[in-house]
Every structure is written in structure tokens, then in C-alpha cells.
Amino acid sequence: MIQRSRGRYGSSAGDSEGFSMIEVIISTMLLGVVLVGLTTSSAASASRMIRADSELRAWATVQQVLDSLTTAAAVGLITDGGDSTRGFPITWTVTQPIPTLTQISLVHQPNRSPVSDTLIVQLSDVWSPQ
């Protein structure tokens, strides 16, 4: 009867140690798929963050123009007009449906898109009995 000698860790001399080539190939492919997915999602997230930052800047510009218009309306110096502050086109029209009410319609196109947002603000004079 022939006995095989056992190695240091209890395995016989005929057993192979480590990973087989197919295991290495499969694990490399799985790692590649995971990395491609992570890269794609991080690129999409970065794109969304840039778009959100641009929209935030556009709305900050609208707020700045609206603050200027309400100050001008308070002293009666407001007319129809438009502006292109920070590259965002904004137009406004002023109407007075009744003498104590001023209505400002602000239209802006964020990111030069064909879709525009309209913001309607109504400023009312304080009513006091006579």
C-alpha cells in the first residue's frame, strides 16, 4: 500500500492550492460589471447635480429680479420689460386689474430650453378706511 505524504497544512501532494483559472475569470468579469454600473451611476449623478445647480442659479436670478420689481412697484416706477441676467432670459409684464392691485407676470426660460416657467405675483396696496 502506497501512502501519499501530506503537506504542511494537511493536504495531500496531489491537491492543488489557490483558485482555478475559471474562478479568476468569473470573479474578474463580475467585478467589471459592478465597476461599469458604479461608473455609469456616478456619471448620471454628476450630470443631475450640474443641472440642479444651473436651475438653482436661474431661480436665484428670478428672485433677484422679482425683489427689484417689487421695490420699483412700491414707489410706482414699474413698467413691462425684460432682462438677461447671468444668461437667463427673463421678461415681465405689469397689469393693474384694479387700482389697488398690481400684478407682475414673470416668464423665464431656464437653460435655454423651449419650456418656460411663469410666476405671477400680486402686490396689493394696504387698504385704509377714509
Protein backbone atom coordinates (compact mmCIF):
# COMPACT_ATOMS: atom_id res chain seq x y z
CA MET A 1 0.00 0.00 0.00
CA ILE A 2 1.39 3.34 -1.08
CA GLN A 3 0.66 6.39 1.03
CA ARG A 4 0.98 9.94 -0.09
CA SER A 5 2.82 12.31 2.09
CA ARG A 6 0.77 15.13 3.45
CA GLY A 7 1.90 18.73 3.14
CA ARG A 8 2.30 21.23 5.87
CA TYR A 9 -1.43 22.10 6.12
CA GLY A 10 -2.84 18.62 5.87
CA SER A 11 -3.48 18.47 2.13
CA SER A 12 -2.11 15.68 0.03
CA ALA A 13 0.59 16.40 -2.53
CA GLY A 14 -1.87 15.87 -5.43
CA ASP A 15 -4.33 18.57 -4.31
CA SER A 16 -3.99 21.97 -5.96
CA GLU A 17 -3.97 25.07 -3.83
CA GLY A 18 -5.43 28.50 -4.73
CA PHE A 19 -8.06 29.44 -7.28
CA SER A 20 -8.68 27.79 -10.60
CA MET A 21 -8.44 29.82 -13.80
CA ILE A 22 -12.23 29.72 -14.34
CA GLU A 23 -12.84 31.15 -10.86
CA VAL A 24 -10.45 34.01 -11.54
CA ILE A 25 -12.09 34.78 -14.90
CA ILE A 26 -15.62 34.73 -13.45
CA SER A 27 -14.70 36.93 -10.49
CA THR A 28 -12.92 39.39 -12.80
CA MET A 29 -15.99 39.58 -15.03
CA LEU A 30 -18.29 40.16 -12.05
CA LEU A 31 -16.00 42.88 -10.74
CA GLY A 32 -16.02 44.51 -14.19
CA VAL A 33 -19.82 44.52 -14.33
CA VAL A 34 -20.04 46.09 -10.88
CA LEU A 35 -17.48 48.78 -11.75
CA VAL A 36 -19.27 49.66 -15.00
CA GLY A 37 -22.52 50.06 -13.08
CA LEU A 38 -20.90 52.29 -10.48
CA THR A 39 -19.23 54.44 -13.13
CA THR A 40 -22.48 54.89 -15.04
CA SER A 41 -24.46 55.85 -11.95
CA SER A 42 -21.83 58.31 -10.75
CA ALA A 43 -21.74 59.98 -14.18
CA ALA A 44 -25.54 60.30 -14.17
CA SER A 45 -25.45 61.74 -10.65
CA ALA A 46 -22.86 64.31 -11.66
CA SER A 47 -24.98 65.34 -14.64
CA ARG A 48 -28.06 65.75 -12.41
CA MET A 49 -26.06 67.82 -9.92
CA ILE A 50 -24.88 70.17 -12.68
CA ARG A 51 -28.45 70.58 -13.97
CA ALA A 52 -29.78 71.21 -10.45
CA ASP A 53 -27.08 73.81 -9.81
CA SER A 54 -28.00 75.58 -13.04
CA GLU A 55 -31.70 75.60 -12.11
CA LEU A 56 -30.88 76.91 -8.66
CA ARG A 57 -28.91 79.78 -10.19
CA ALA A 58 -31.79 80.53 -12.57
CA TRP A 59 -34.31 80.71 -9.72
CA ALA A 60 -31.92 82.87 -7.67
CA THR A 61 -31.80 85.25 -10.64
CA VAL A 62 -35.61 85.28 -10.84
CA GLN A 63 -35.78 86.06 -7.11
CA GLN A 64 -33.30 88.91 -7.54
CA VAL A 65 -35.30 90.42 -10.43
CA LEU A 66 -38.56 89.96 -8.51
CA ASP A 67 -37.13 91.77 -5.48
CA SER A 68 -36.12 94.69 -7.71
CA LEU A 69 -39.56 94.76 -9.34
CA THR A 70 -41.45 94.74 -6.05
CA THR A 71 -39.28 97.61 -4.80
CA ALA A 72 -40.00 99.54 -8.01
CA ALA A 73 -43.71 98.73 -7.74
CA ALA A 74 -43.81 100.10 -4.21
CA VAL A 75 -42.83 103.55 -5.49
CA GLY A 76 -44.83 103.27 -8.73
CA LEU A 77 -41.85 103.04 -11.10
CA ILE A 78 -42.55 99.72 -12.77
CA THR A 79 -43.19 99.02 -16.45
CA ASP A 80 -43.11 95.99 -18.74
CA GLY A 81 -39.63 94.83 -19.63
CA GLY A 82 -37.06 92.10 -19.80
CA ASP A 83 -33.54 91.22 -18.80
CA SER A 84 -30.93 88.57 -19.41
CA THR A 85 -29.20 88.39 -16.05
CA ARG A 86 -26.48 85.74 -15.87
CA GLY A 87 -27.54 84.37 -19.24
CA PHE A 88 -31.11 83.54 -18.19
CA PRO A 89 -33.72 85.46 -20.23
CA ILE A 90 -36.48 86.91 -18.07
CA THR A 91 -39.44 89.01 -19.22
CA TRP A 92 -42.18 90.58 -17.18
CA THR A 93 -45.49 92.28 -17.79
CA VAL A 94 -47.25 94.52 -15.34
CA THR A 95 -51.02 94.86 -15.16
CA GLN A 96 -53.34 96.56 -12.75
CA PRO A 97 -56.68 94.72 -12.75
CA ILE A 98 -57.99 97.09 -10.08
CA PRO A 99 -56.43 100.31 -8.79
CA THR A 100 -55.17 98.76 -5.54
CA LEU A 101 -53.70 95.61 -7.10
CA THR A 102 -50.54 95.33 -9.21
CA GLN A 103 -49.94 92.01 -10.94
CA ILE A 104 -46.47 91.06 -12.23
CA SER A 105 -46.15 88.11 -14.61
CA LEU A 106 -42.54 86.90 -14.78
CA VAL A 107 -41.52 84.44 -17.52
CA HIS A 108 -38.10 82.82 -17.65
CA GLN A 109 -36.55 80.06 -19.71
CA PRO A 110 -34.04 78.08 -17.65
CA ASN A 111 -31.07 76.63 -19.52
CA ARG A 112 -32.32 77.99 -22.84
CA SER A 113 -34.95 75.28 -23.00
CA PRO A 114 -38.11 75.66 -25.09
CA VAL A 115 -40.17 75.30 -21.90
CA SER A 116 -40.71 78.46 -19.90
CA ASP A 117 -41.82 78.96 -16.31
CA THR A 118 -44.33 81.68 -15.41
CA LEU A 119 -44.50 83.24 -11.98
CA ILE A 120 -47.42 85.55 -11.18
CA VAL A 121 -47.11 87.87 -8.21
CA GLN A 122 -49.88 90.13 -6.96
CA LEU A 123 -48.98 93.20 -4.91
CA SER A 124 -51.81 94.83 -3.07
CA ASP A 125 -51.89 98.30 -1.57
CA VAL A 126 -52.80 98.47 2.08
CA TRP A 127 -56.44 99.40 2.39
CA SER A 128 -57.29 102.08 4.90
CA PRO A 129 -60.77 103.43 5.62
CA GLN A 130 -61.37 107.06 4.73
